[in-house]
Amino acid sequence: MRADRLLSILMALQLRGRMTAAALAAQLEVSVRTIYRDVDALGSAGIPIVTDRGPSGGLSLMDGFRTDLTGLSAAEVVALPFLGLGDVASALGVSASAELARAKLFAALPASGRERASRASDCFHLDAVDWYRRAPTPPMLREVAAAVWSAQRLEIDYESWQSRRRRVVDPLGLVLKAGQWYLVARSQTRKSPSIYRLGRIHAARALAERFTRPARFSLAKLWRDHVAEFGASLRRERATIRVSARALSRRDRLGADAAETIQAAIAGEQGWRNAKIWIEDVNHAASVLLGFGTDVEVLTPRALRHEISRRAAGVCALYAPPGG
């Protein structure tokens, strides 16, 4: 909306002192011509904006002018949790509101506070996506988010690992975990909330009926409990392994618990360490451990040794030279 853009220009000039039209255009994702039209509109409204020409020129507010128009709109209040999370705000469609809320909050600070807040923004950046991965934006994210914010019952076409079917749920919250979005929702057939991966929602339709959120419901606590429960469920079997010094830098691939156990083990001859770790099952462990080559040896269980041997033989056969 143009009104939001005009306020964004005003807040940006008040916070930064001087900006070029090109920098403002890039920040607000509009053309330079649009910025100049907006500046003319602000001037007509009595906002004293000074335009300096030349290489070192730019736009600035007249010395001594300051606005106290820093109240947050409803959209900006919703966007507050996403300050500093540009990719998340963009995925949810609230980036413009988040940026304007940030500008208003900065403008409300005293000069010393603005300087410290600006320095913190310059010194720290959060990138929640793992290496070599892209941050996926599920097609239904904004529709689901709108239903969460408005406490509106939702019909989803969801594909689980067992089947694909339509369900009616009460969307209680969204979680972004390691670059993946999840919906925490309560269905009419289960007392406790369930967790749905947004990438598996093929369609979502908000229903006219609204719902009441459970009393004392905490999204953060529910998610922490789920993560702990899920982690415990993966601890099904134990394996004893020998780990070479060369593999220590890659131990995190085995998970935090295994990495800590390996690190705590006493190094023996030529730096090898024996460690007893939890594994999900033989097939999963074989897939992970085979990637360590000869830098990790499985001592027990025998079934895991056999599975890795079988897979390694298959790899050797695949890459054997013709007629070799």
C-alpha atoms as a PDB file:
ATOM      1  CA  MET A   1       0.000   0.000   0.000  1.00  0.00           C
ATOM      2  CA  ARG A   2       1.229   3.488  -0.839  1.00  0.00           C
ATOM      3  CA  ALA A   3       0.501   4.876   2.638  1.00  0.00           C
ATOM      4  CA  ASP A   4       2.768   2.234   4.186  1.00  0.00           C
ATOM      5  CA  ARG A   5       5.479   3.019   1.625  1.00  0.00           C
ATOM      6  CA  LEU A   6       5.318   6.764   2.353  1.00  0.00           C
ATOM      7  CA  LEU A   7       5.678   6.063   6.068  1.00  0.00           C
ATOM      8  CA  SER A   8       8.557   3.675   5.356  1.00  0.00           C
ATOM      9  CA  ILE A   9      10.402   6.421   3.436  1.00  0.00           C
ATOM     10  CA  LEU A  10       9.829   8.865   6.271  1.00  0.00           C
ATOM     11  CA  MET A  11      11.050   6.413   8.920  1.00  0.00           C
ATOM     12  CA  ALA A  12      14.093   5.428   6.840  1.00  0.00           C
ATOM     13  CA  LEU A  13      15.187   9.055   6.378  1.00  0.00           C
ATOM     14  CA  GLN A  14      14.617   9.812  10.047  1.00  0.00           C
ATOM     15  CA  LEU A  15      16.723   6.832  11.107  1.00  0.00           C
ATOM     16  CA  ARG A  16      19.538   7.010   8.569  1.00  0.00           C
ATOM     17  CA  GLY A  17      19.759  10.725   7.951  1.00  0.00           C
ATOM     18  CA  ARG A  18      20.460  10.577   4.239  1.00  0.00           C
ATOM     19  CA  MET A  19      19.715   7.954   1.599  1.00  0.00           C
ATOM     20  CA  THR A  20      19.849   7.856  -2.162  1.00  0.00           C
ATOM     21  CA  ALA A  21      16.668   7.320  -4.134  1.00  0.00           C
ATOM     22  CA  ALA A  22      18.232   4.139  -5.534  1.00  0.00           C
ATOM     23  CA  ALA A  23      18.842   2.753  -2.014  1.00  0.00           C
ATOM     24  CA  LEU A  24      15.268   3.528  -0.984  1.00  0.00           C
ATOM     25  CA  ALA A  25      13.946   1.946  -4.177  1.00  0.00           C
ATOM     26  CA  ALA A  26      15.943  -1.232  -3.514  1.00  0.00           C
ATOM     27  CA  GLN A  27      14.763  -1.407   0.110  1.00  0.00           C
ATOM     28  CA  LEU A  28      11.104  -0.937  -0.792  1.00  0.00           C
ATOM     29  CA  GLU A  29      11.274  -2.954  -4.036  1.00  0.00           C
ATOM     30  CA  VAL A  30       9.949  -0.181  -6.273  1.00  0.00           C
ATOM     31  CA  SER A  31      11.434   1.971  -9.052  1.00  0.00           C
ATOM     32  CA  VAL A  32      13.481   5.121  -8.468  1.00  0.00           C
ATOM     33  CA  ARG A  33      10.765   7.077 -10.305  1.00  0.00           C
ATOM     34  CA  THR A  34       8.216   5.798  -7.780  1.00  0.00           C
ATOM     35  CA  ILE A  35      10.432   7.010  -4.922  1.00  0.00           C
ATOM     36  CA  TYR A  36      10.596  10.506  -6.399  1.00  0.00           C
ATOM     37  CA  ARG A  37       6.804  10.541  -6.827  1.00  0.00           C
ATOM     38  CA  ASP A  38       6.415   9.496  -3.200  1.00  0.00           C
ATOM     39  CA  VAL A  39       8.868  12.197  -2.089  1.00  0.00           C
ATOM     40  CA  ASP A  40       6.783  14.796  -3.943  1.00  0.00           C
ATOM     41  CA  ALA A  41       3.665  13.477  -2.180  1.00  0.00           C
ATOM     42  CA  LEU A  42       5.379  13.780   1.208  1.00  0.00           C
ATOM     43  CA  GLY A  43       6.442  17.326   0.347  1.00  0.00           C
ATOM     44  CA  SER A  44       2.865  18.229  -0.581  1.00  0.00           C
ATOM     45  CA  ALA A  45       1.800  16.891   2.831  1.00  0.00           C
ATOM     46  CA  GLY A  46       4.208  19.272   4.562  1.00  0.00           C
ATOM     47  CA  ILE A  47       7.138  16.888   5.184  1.00  0.00           C
ATOM     48  CA  PRO A  48      10.348  18.904   4.517  1.00  0.00           C
ATOM     49  CA  ILE A  49      12.506  16.538   2.435  1.00  0.00           C
ATOM     50  CA  VAL A  50      15.730  17.988   1.018  1.00  0.00           C
ATOM     51  CA  THR A  51      17.037  16.649  -2.307  1.00  0.00           C
ATOM     52  CA  ASP A  52      20.771  17.107  -2.938  1.00  0.00           C
ATOM     53  CA  ARG A  53      22.089  16.485  -6.406  1.00  0.00           C
ATOM     54  CA  GLY A  54      25.466  15.047  -7.393  1.00  0.00           C
ATOM     55  CA  PRO A  55      27.501  11.913  -6.586  1.00  0.00           C
ATOM     56  CA  SER A  56      27.420  12.518  -2.817  1.00  0.00           C
ATOM     57  CA  GLY A  57      23.818  13.714  -2.776  1.00  0.00           C
ATOM     58  CA  GLY A  58      20.639  12.029  -1.695  1.00  0.00           C
ATOM     59  CA  LEU A  59      17.414  12.556   0.182  1.00  0.00           C
ATOM     60  CA  SER A  60      17.201  13.746   3.767  1.00  0.00           C
ATOM     61  CA  LEU A  61      14.833  15.448   6.188  1.00  0.00           C
ATOM     62  CA  MET A  62      15.359  19.138   6.901  1.00  0.00           C
ATOM     63  CA  ASP A  63      17.579  19.692   9.946  1.00  0.00           C
ATOM     64  CA  GLY A  64      15.584  19.608  13.160  1.00  0.00           C
ATOM     65  CA  PHE A  65      12.511  17.932  11.681  1.00  0.00           C
ATOM     66  CA  ARG A  66      11.332  14.792  13.451  1.00  0.00           C
ATOM     67  CA  THR A  67       8.064  12.892  13.493  1.00  0.00           C
ATOM     68  CA  ASP A  68       6.635  10.993  16.451  1.00  0.00           C
ATOM     69  CA  LEU A  69       4.371   8.915  14.216  1.00  0.00           C
ATOM     70  CA  THR A  70       5.649   5.602  15.557  1.00  0.00           C
ATOM     71  CA  GLY A  71       2.479   3.740  16.579  1.00  0.00           C
ATOM     72  CA  LEU A  72       2.286   0.182  15.270  1.00  0.00           C
ATOM     73  CA  SER A  73      -0.578  -0.946  13.070  1.00  0.00           C
ATOM     74  CA  ALA A  74      -2.282  -4.314  13.550  1.00  0.00           C
ATOM     75  CA  ALA A  75      -0.265  -5.813  10.666  1.00  0.00           C
ATOM     76  CA  GLU A  76       2.991  -4.497  12.141  1.00  0.00           C
ATOM     77  CA  VAL A  77       2.185  -5.962  15.554  1.00  0.00           C
ATOM     78  CA  VAL A  78       1.663  -9.368  13.911  1.00  0.00           C
ATOM     79  CA  ALA A  79       5.014  -8.973  12.128  1.00  0.00           C
ATOM     80  CA  LEU A  80       6.973  -8.117  15.309  1.00  0.00           C
ATOM     81  CA  PRO A  81       8.147 -11.721  16.004  1.00  0.00           C
ATOM     82  CA  PHE A  82       9.816 -11.783  12.579  1.00  0.00           C
ATOM     83  CA  LEU A  83      12.069  -8.739  13.014  1.00  0.00           C
ATOM     84  CA  GLY A  84      15.505  -9.752  11.762  1.00  0.00           C
ATOM     85  CA  LEU A  85      14.118 -12.883  10.088  1.00  0.00           C
ATOM     86  CA  GLY A  86      13.870 -11.558   6.551  1.00  0.00           C
ATOM     87  CA  ASP A  87      13.370 -14.891   4.775  1.00  0.00           C
ATOM     88  CA  VAL A  88      10.704 -15.996   7.248  1.00  0.00           C
ATOM     89  CA  ALA A  89       8.829 -12.682   7.037  1.00  0.00           C
ATOM     90  CA  SER A  90       8.956 -12.824   3.248  1.00  0.00           C
ATOM     91  CA  ALA A  91       7.645 -16.402   3.166  1.00  0.00           C
ATOM     92  CA  LEU A  92       4.727 -15.399   5.389  1.00  0.00           C
ATOM     93  CA  GLY A  93       4.029 -12.269   3.343  1.00  0.00           C
ATOM     94  CA  VAL A  94       4.708  -9.831   6.201  1.00  0.00           C
ATOM     95  CA  SER A  95       8.151  -8.510   5.201  1.00  0.00           C
ATOM     96  CA  ALA A  96       6.907  -4.984   4.476  1.00  0.00           C
ATOM     97  CA  SER A  97       5.071  -4.792   7.813  1.00  0.00           C
ATOM     98  CA  ALA A  98       8.090  -6.216   9.669  1.00  0.00           C
ATOM     99  CA  GLU A  99      10.422  -3.660   8.096  1.00  0.00           C
ATOM    100  CA  LEU A 100       8.069  -0.808   8.934  1.00  0.00           C
ATOM    101  CA  ALA A 101       7.662  -2.067  12.508  1.00  0.00           C
ATOM    102  CA  ARG A 102      11.440  -2.239  12.854  1.00  0.00           C
ATOM    103  CA  ALA A 103      11.804   1.311  11.550  1.00  0.00           C
ATOM    104  CA  LYS A 104       9.169   2.602  13.981  1.00  0.00           C
ATOM    105  CA  LEU A 105      10.784   0.841  16.934  1.00  0.00           C
ATOM    106  CA  PHE A 106      14.196   2.240  16.001  1.00  0.00           C
ATOM    107  CA  ALA A 107      12.722   5.719  15.580  1.00  0.00           C
ATOM    108  CA  ALA A 108      11.201   5.540  19.068  1.00  0.00           C
ATOM    109  CA  LEU A 109      14.611   4.842  20.642  1.00  0.00           C
ATOM    110  CA  PRO A 110      16.925   7.595  21.855  1.00  0.00           C
ATOM    111  CA  ALA A 111      19.944   8.270  19.657  1.00  0.00           C
ATOM    112  CA  SER A 112      22.253   6.116  21.796  1.00  0.00           C
ATOM    113  CA  GLY A 113      19.778   3.227  21.722  1.00  0.00           C
ATOM    114  CA  ARG A 114      19.394   3.440  17.941  1.00  0.00           C
ATOM    115  CA  GLU A 115      23.151   3.290  17.529  1.00  0.00           C
ATOM    116  CA  ARG A 116      23.458   0.158  19.696  1.00  0.00           C
ATOM    117  CA  ALA A 117      20.503  -1.540  17.985  1.00  0.00           C
ATOM    118  CA  SER A 118      21.903  -0.715  14.564  1.00  0.00           C
ATOM    119  CA  ARG A 119      25.304  -2.094  15.548  1.00  0.00           C
ATOM    120  CA  ALA A 120      23.690  -5.322  16.775  1.00  0.00           C
ATOM    121  CA  SER A 121      21.938  -5.677  13.409  1.00  0.00           C
ATOM    122  CA  ASP A 122      25.241  -5.110  11.616  1.00  0.00           C
ATOM    123  CA  CYS A 123      27.108  -7.654  13.735  1.00  0.00           C
ATOM    124  CA  PHE A 124      24.687 -10.594  13.856  1.00  0.00           C
ATOM    125  CA  HIS A 125      22.774 -12.469  11.171  1.00  0.00           C
ATOM    126  CA  LEU A 126      20.659 -15.618  11.511  1.00  0.00           C
ATOM    127  CA  ASP A 127      20.582 -18.182   8.705  1.00  0.00           C
ATOM    128  CA  ALA A 128      18.523 -21.155   9.870  1.00  0.00           C
ATOM    129  CA  VAL A 129      18.906 -23.306   6.743  1.00  0.00           C
ATOM    130  CA  ASP A 130      21.531 -26.062   6.697  1.00  0.00           C
ATOM    131  CA  TRP A 131      24.442 -25.975   4.239  1.00  0.00           C
ATOM    132  CA  TYR A 132      23.770 -26.966   0.627  1.00  0.00           C
ATOM    133  CA  ARG A 133      20.027 -26.644   1.130  1.00  0.00           C
ATOM    134  CA  ARG A 134      17.477 -24.121  -0.034  1.00  0.00           C
ATOM    135  CA  ALA A 135      14.806 -22.688   2.213  1.00  0.00           C
ATOM    136  CA  PRO A 136      11.594 -24.180   0.813  1.00  0.00           C
ATOM    137  CA  THR A 137       8.401 -22.127   0.937  1.00  0.00           C
ATOM    138  CA  PRO A 138       5.443 -24.551   1.019  1.00  0.00           C
ATOM    139  CA  PRO A 139       2.696 -23.504  -1.416  1.00  0.00           C
ATOM    140  CA  MET A 140       0.064 -23.491   1.328  1.00  0.00           C
ATOM    141  CA  LEU A 141       2.100 -21.538   3.903  1.00  0.00           C
ATOM    142  CA  ARG A 142       0.286 -18.215   3.682  1.00  0.00           C
ATOM    143  CA  GLU A 143      -3.169 -19.801   3.645  1.00  0.00           C
ATOM    144  CA  VAL A 144      -2.330 -21.868   6.705  1.00  0.00           C
ATOM    145  CA  ALA A 145      -0.710 -18.904   8.479  1.00  0.00           C
ATOM    146  CA  ALA A 146      -3.815 -16.789   7.891  1.00  0.00           C
ATOM    147  CA  ALA A 147      -5.974 -19.501   9.469  1.00  0.00           C
ATOM    148  CA  VAL A 148      -3.603 -19.741  12.460  1.00  0.00           C
ATOM    149  CA  TRP A 149      -3.735 -15.974  13.056  1.00  0.00           C
ATOM    150  CA  SER A 150      -7.518 -15.776  12.710  1.00  0.00           C
ATOM    151  CA  ALA A 151      -8.223 -18.983  14.707  1.00  0.00           C
ATOM    152  CA  GLN A 152     -10.170 -20.329  11.749  1.00  0.00           C
ATOM    153  CA  ARG A 153     -10.871 -24.032  11.287  1.00  0.00           C
ATOM    154  CA  LEU A 154      -9.012 -25.492   8.319  1.00  0.00           C
ATOM    155  CA  GLU A 155      -9.647 -28.308   5.859  1.00  0.00           C
ATOM    156  CA  ILE A 156      -6.402 -29.761   4.527  1.00  0.00           C
ATOM    157  CA  ASP A 157      -5.554 -32.327   1.881  1.00  0.00           C
ATOM    158  CA  TYR A 158      -2.634 -34.039   3.635  1.00  0.00           C
ATOM    159  CA  GLU A 159      -0.350 -36.840   2.479  1.00  0.00           C
ATOM    160  CA  SER A 160       1.268 -38.760   5.324  1.00  0.00           C
ATOM    161  CA  TRP A 161       3.632 -41.685   4.924  1.00  0.00           C
ATOM    162  CA  GLN A 162       0.607 -43.973   5.270  1.00  0.00           C
ATOM    163  CA  SER A 163      -2.071 -42.332   3.095  1.00  0.00           C
ATOM    164  CA  ARG A 164      -3.470 -39.153   1.582  1.00  0.00           C
ATOM    165  CA  ARG A 165      -6.812 -37.847   2.787  1.00  0.00           C
ATOM    166  CA  ARG A 166      -8.711 -34.717   3.766  1.00  0.00           C
ATOM    167  CA  ARG A 167      -8.861 -33.666   7.400  1.00  0.00           C
ATOM    168  CA  VAL A 168     -10.480 -30.840   9.331  1.00  0.00           C
ATOM    169  CA  VAL A 169      -8.147 -29.366  11.952  1.00  0.00           C
ATOM    170  CA  ASP A 170      -7.815 -26.431  14.323  1.00  0.00           C
ATOM    171  CA  PRO A 171      -4.483 -24.790  13.358  1.00  0.00           C
ATOM    172  CA  LEU A 172      -2.767 -23.835  16.619  1.00  0.00           C
ATOM    173  CA  GLY A 173       0.644 -22.713  15.402  1.00  0.00           C
ATOM    174  CA  LEU A 174       3.487 -22.853  12.895  1.00  0.00           C
ATOM    175  CA  VAL A 175       7.047 -23.992  13.565  1.00  0.00           C
ATOM    176  CA  LEU A 176      10.106 -23.505  11.367  1.00  0.00           C
ATOM    177  CA  LYS A 177      12.638 -26.247  12.135  1.00  0.00           C
ATOM    178  CA  ALA A 178      15.928 -26.512  10.211  1.00  0.00           C
ATOM    179  CA  GLY A 179      14.396 -24.844   7.151  1.00  0.00           C
ATOM    180  CA  GLN A 180      11.210 -26.958   7.192  1.00  0.00           C
ATOM    181  CA  TRP A 181       7.758 -25.637   8.124  1.00  0.00           C
ATOM    182  CA  TYR A 182       5.414 -27.630  10.381  1.00  0.00           C
ATOM    183  CA  LEU A 183       1.798 -27.071  11.434  1.00  0.00           C
ATOM    184  CA  VAL A 184       0.728 -27.909  14.963  1.00  0.00           C
ATOM    185  CA  ALA A 185      -3.009 -28.583  14.841  1.00  0.00           C
ATOM    186  CA  ARG A 186      -5.759 -30.277  16.804  1.00  0.00           C
ATOM    187  CA  SER A 187      -8.047 -32.673  14.979  1.00  0.00           C
ATOM    188  CA  GLN A 188     -11.529 -33.654  16.043  1.00  0.00           C
ATOM    189  CA  THR A 189     -10.526 -37.304  16.379  1.00  0.00           C
ATOM    190  CA  ARG A 190      -7.568 -36.854  18.745  1.00  0.00           C
ATOM    191  CA  LYS A 191      -7.298 -35.113  22.108  1.00  0.00           C
ATOM    192  CA  SER A 192      -3.653 -34.081  21.786  1.00  0.00           C
ATOM    193  CA  PRO A 193      -2.383 -31.874  18.928  1.00  0.00           C
ATOM    194  CA  SER A 194      -0.709 -33.461  15.904  1.00  0.00           C
ATOM    195  CA  ILE A 195       2.166 -32.190  13.786  1.00  0.00           C
ATOM    196  CA  TYR A 196       1.866 -31.887  10.020  1.00  0.00           C
ATOM    197  CA  ARG A 197       4.674 -31.121   7.595  1.00  0.00           C
ATOM    198  CA  LEU A 198       3.517 -28.215   5.448  1.00  0.00           C
ATOM    199  CA  GLY A 199       5.283 -29.528   2.364  1.00  0.00           C
ATOM    200  CA  ARG A 200       2.869 -32.469   2.400  1.00  0.00           C
ATOM    201  CA  ILE A 201      -0.268 -30.313   2.431  1.00  0.00           C
ATOM    202  CA  HIS A 202      -1.562 -30.336  -1.139  1.00  0.00           C
ATOM    203  CA  ALA A 203      -4.480 -27.965  -0.517  1.00  0.00           C
ATOM    204  CA  ALA A 204      -5.857 -25.920   2.364  1.00  0.00           C
ATOM    205  CA  ARG A 205      -9.228 -24.204   2.721  1.00  0.00           C
ATOM    206  CA  ALA A 206     -10.249 -21.991   5.622  1.00  0.00           C
ATOM    207  CA  LEU A 207     -13.742 -22.798   6.880  1.00  0.00           C
ATOM    208  CA  ALA A 208     -16.249 -20.268   8.182  1.00  0.00           C
ATOM    209  CA  GLU A 209     -16.200 -21.855  11.637  1.00  0.00           C
ATOM    210  CA  ARG A 210     -13.735 -20.488  14.188  1.00  0.00           C
ATOM    211  CA  PHE A 211     -12.273 -22.346  17.150  1.00  0.00           C
ATOM    212  CA  THR A 212     -11.102 -21.531  20.658  1.00  0.00           C
ATOM    213  CA  ARG A 213      -7.460 -22.153  21.472  1.00  0.00           C
ATOM    214  CA  PRO A 214      -6.891 -24.505  24.414  1.00  0.00           C
ATOM    215  CA  ALA A 215      -6.354 -22.786  27.753  1.00  0.00           C
ATOM    216  CA  ARG A 216      -2.691 -22.463  28.761  1.00  0.00           C
ATOM    217  CA  PHE A 217      -1.560 -23.829  25.393  1.00  0.00           C
ATOM    218  CA  SER A 218       2.160 -23.187  24.768  1.00  0.00           C
ATOM    219  CA  LEU A 219       3.426 -23.788  21.251  1.00  0.00           C
ATOM    220  CA  ALA A 220       7.066 -23.592  22.365  1.00  0.00           C
ATOM    221  CA  LYS A 221       6.596 -26.144  25.166  1.00  0.00           C
ATOM    222  CA  LEU A 222       4.638 -28.531  22.957  1.00  0.00           C
ATOM    223  CA  TRP A 223       7.371 -28.395  20.320  1.00  0.00           C
ATOM    224  CA  ARG A 224      10.171 -28.928  22.867  1.00  0.00           C
ATOM    225  CA  ASP A 225       8.339 -31.959  24.251  1.00  0.00           C
ATOM    226  CA  HIS A 226       7.794 -33.302  20.724  1.00  0.00           C
ATOM    227  CA  VAL A 227      11.465 -32.923  19.813  1.00  0.00           C
ATOM    228  CA  ALA A 228      12.541 -34.693  23.009  1.00  0.00           C
ATOM    229  CA  GLU A 229      10.021 -37.481  22.460  1.00  0.00           C
ATOM    230  CA  PHE A 230      11.015 -37.890  18.823  1.00  0.00           C
ATOM    231  CA  GLY A 231      14.705 -38.011  19.709  1.00  0.00           C
ATOM    232  CA  ALA A 232      14.071 -40.661  22.354  1.00  0.00           C
ATOM    233  CA  SER A 233      12.054 -42.746  19.901  1.00  0.00           C
ATOM    234  CA  LEU A 234      15.084 -42.984  17.614  1.00  0.00           C
ATOM    235  CA  ARG A 235      17.224 -44.557  20.338  1.00  0.00           C
ATOM    236  CA  ARG A 236      16.241 -48.123  19.525  1.00  0.00           C
ATOM    237  CA  GLU A 237      19.516 -50.056  19.362  1.00  0.00           C
ATOM    238  CA  ARG A 238      23.136 -49.697  20.425  1.00  0.00           C
ATOM    239  CA  ALA A 239      26.265 -50.090  18.344  1.00  0.00           C
ATOM    240  CA  THR A 240      29.919 -50.153  19.317  1.00  0.00           C
ATOM    241  CA  ILE A 241      32.233 -48.430  16.845  1.00  0.00           C
ATOM    242  CA  ARG A 242      35.923 -47.610  16.429  1.00  0.00           C
ATOM    243  CA  VAL A 243      36.520 -44.060  15.230  1.00  0.00           C
ATOM    244  CA  SER A 244      39.807 -42.845  13.738  1.00  0.00           C
ATOM    245  CA  ALA A 245      41.256 -39.417  14.411  1.00  0.00           C
ATOM    246  CA  ARG A 246      40.517 -38.498  10.783  1.00  0.00           C
ATOM    247  CA  ALA A 247      36.776 -38.945  11.395  1.00  0.00           C
ATOM    248  CA  LEU A 248      36.535 -36.690  14.439  1.00  0.00           C
ATOM    249  CA  SER A 249      35.830 -33.579  12.404  1.00  0.00           C
ATOM    250  CA  ARG A 250      32.817 -35.364  10.854  1.00  0.00           C
ATOM    251  CA  ARG A 251      31.387 -36.881  14.035  1.00  0.00           C
ATOM    252  CA  ASP A 252      28.444 -34.439  14.055  1.00  0.00           C
ATOM    253  CA  ARG A 253      26.955 -36.385  11.131  1.00  0.00           C
ATOM    254  CA  LEU A 254      26.090 -39.123  13.644  1.00  0.00           C
ATOM    255  CA  GLY A 255      23.974 -36.777  15.787  1.00  0.00           C
ATOM    256  CA  ALA A 256      24.693 -34.749  18.897  1.00  0.00           C
ATOM    257  CA  ASP A 257      24.533 -37.646  21.398  1.00  0.00           C
ATOM    258  CA  ALA A 258      26.892 -39.849  19.386  1.00  0.00           C
ATOM    259  CA  ALA A 259      29.252 -36.944  18.725  1.00  0.00           C
ATOM    260  CA  GLU A 260      29.511 -36.165  22.449  1.00  0.00           C
ATOM    261  CA  THR A 261      30.128 -39.836  23.292  1.00  0.00           C
ATOM    262  CA  ILE A 262      32.880 -40.092  20.670  1.00  0.00           C
ATOM    263  CA  GLN A 263      34.499 -36.870  21.850  1.00  0.00           C
ATOM    264  CA  ALA A 264      34.514 -38.103  25.462  1.00  0.00           C
ATOM    265  CA  ALA A 265      36.091 -41.476  24.551  1.00  0.00           C
ATOM    266  CA  ILE A 266      39.790 -41.920  25.367  1.00  0.00           C
ATOM    267  CA  ALA A 267      42.039 -42.101  22.330  1.00  0.00           C
ATOM    268  CA  GLY A 268      44.025 -45.318  22.082  1.00  0.00           C
ATOM    269  CA  GLU A 269      46.634 -46.573  19.646  1.00  0.00           C
ATOM    270  CA  GLN A 270      47.100 -44.247  16.658  1.00  0.00           C
ATOM    271  CA  GLY A 271      44.246 -42.048  17.917  1.00  0.00           C
ATOM    272  CA  TRP A 272      41.426 -44.575  17.506  1.00  0.00           C
ATOM    273  CA  ARG A 273      38.518 -44.293  19.954  1.00  0.00           C
ATOM    274  CA  ASN A 274      35.931 -46.890  20.955  1.00  0.00           C
ATOM    275  CA  ALA A 275      32.413 -45.599  21.593  1.00  0.00           C
ATOM    276  CA  LYS A 276      29.019 -47.128  22.241  1.00  0.00           C
ATOM    277  CA  ILE A 277      26.317 -45.086  20.489  1.00  0.00           C
ATOM    278  CA  TRP A 278      22.573 -45.189  19.929  1.00  0.00           C
ATOM    279  CA  ILE A 279      21.306 -45.975  16.427  1.00  0.00           C
ATOM    280  CA  GLU A 280      17.827 -45.815  14.910  1.00  0.00           C
ATOM    281  CA  ASP A 281      18.057 -49.201  13.199  1.00  0.00           C
ATOM    282  CA  VAL A 282      20.520 -51.256  11.148  1.00  0.00           C
ATOM    283  CA  ASN A 283      19.503 -49.888   7.745  1.00  0.00           C
ATOM    284  CA  HIS A 284      19.686 -46.230   8.791  1.00  0.00           C
ATOM    285  CA  ALA A 285      22.978 -46.707  10.627  1.00  0.00           C
ATOM    286  CA  ALA A 286      24.511 -48.529   7.645  1.00  0.00           C
ATOM    287  CA  SER A 287      23.577 -45.648   5.327  1.00  0.00           C
ATOM    288  CA  VAL A 288      25.263 -43.108   7.609  1.00  0.00           C
ATOM    289  CA  LEU A 289      28.332 -45.093   8.658  1.00  0.00           C
ATOM    290  CA  LEU A 290      29.175 -46.265   5.141  1.00  0.00           C
ATOM    291  CA  GLY A 291      29.917 -42.630   4.300  1.00  0.00           C
ATOM    292  CA  PHE A 292      32.861 -42.684   6.712  1.00  0.00           C
ATOM    293  CA  GLY A 293      34.669 -45.295   4.613  1.00  0.00           C
ATOM    294  CA  THR A 294      37.505 -46.938   6.545  1.00  0.00           C
ATOM    295  CA  ASP A 295      37.633 -44.177   9.163  1.00  0.00           C
ATOM    296  CA  VAL A 296      34.904 -45.860  11.245  1.00  0.00           C
ATOM    297  CA  GLU A 297      34.652 -49.593  12.005  1.00  0.00           C
ATOM    298  CA  VAL A 298      31.544 -51.196  13.490  1.00  0.00           C
ATOM    299  CA  LEU A 299      32.385 -53.778  16.169  1.00  0.00           C
ATOM    300  CA  THR A 300      28.822 -54.702  17.153  1.00  0.00           C
ATOM    301  CA  PRO A 301      26.128 -55.672  16.368  1.00  0.00           C
ATOM    302  CA  ARG A 302      27.034 -58.341  13.838  1.00  0.00           C
ATOM    303  CA  ALA A 303      23.941 -57.497  11.730  1.00  0.00           C
ATOM    304  CA  LEU A 304      25.199 -53.947  11.201  1.00  0.00           C
ATOM    305  CA  ARG A 305      28.670 -55.164  10.196  1.00  0.00           C
ATOM    306  CA  HIS A 306      27.059 -57.535   7.694  1.00  0.00           C
ATOM    307  CA  GLU A 307      24.818 -54.849   6.219  1.00  0.00           C
ATOM    308  CA  ILE A 308      27.700 -52.413   5.716  1.00  0.00           C
ATOM    309  CA  SER A 309      29.788 -55.184   4.157  1.00  0.00           C
ATOM    310  CA  ARG A 310      26.932 -56.058   1.804  1.00  0.00           C
ATOM    311  CA  ARG A 311      26.458 -52.471   0.714  1.00  0.00           C
ATOM    312  CA  ALA A 312      30.193 -51.903   0.278  1.00  0.00           C
ATOM    313  CA  ALA A 313      30.401 -55.000  -1.932  1.00  0.00           C
ATOM    314  CA  GLY A 314      27.557 -53.616  -4.036  1.00  0.00           C
ATOM    315  CA  VAL A 315      29.402 -50.308  -4.467  1.00  0.00           C
ATOM    316  CA  CYS A 316      32.598 -52.117  -5.479  1.00  0.00           C
ATOM    317  CA  ALA A 317      30.695 -54.201  -8.020  1.00  0.00           C
ATOM    318  CA  LEU A 318      29.059 -51.091  -9.475  1.00  0.00           C
ATOM    319  CA  TYR A 319      32.386 -49.352 -10.042  1.00  0.00           C
ATOM    320  CA  ALA A 320      34.440 -52.381 -11.028  1.00  0.00           C
ATOM    321  CA  PRO A 321      36.154 -51.871 -14.413  1.00  0.00           C
ATOM    322  CA  PRO A 322      34.597 -53.874 -17.309  1.00  0.00           C
ATOM    323  CA  GLY A 323      36.090 -57.323 -17.520  1.00  0.00           C
ATOM    324  CA  GLY A 324      37.992 -56.720 -14.304  1.00  0.00           C
END
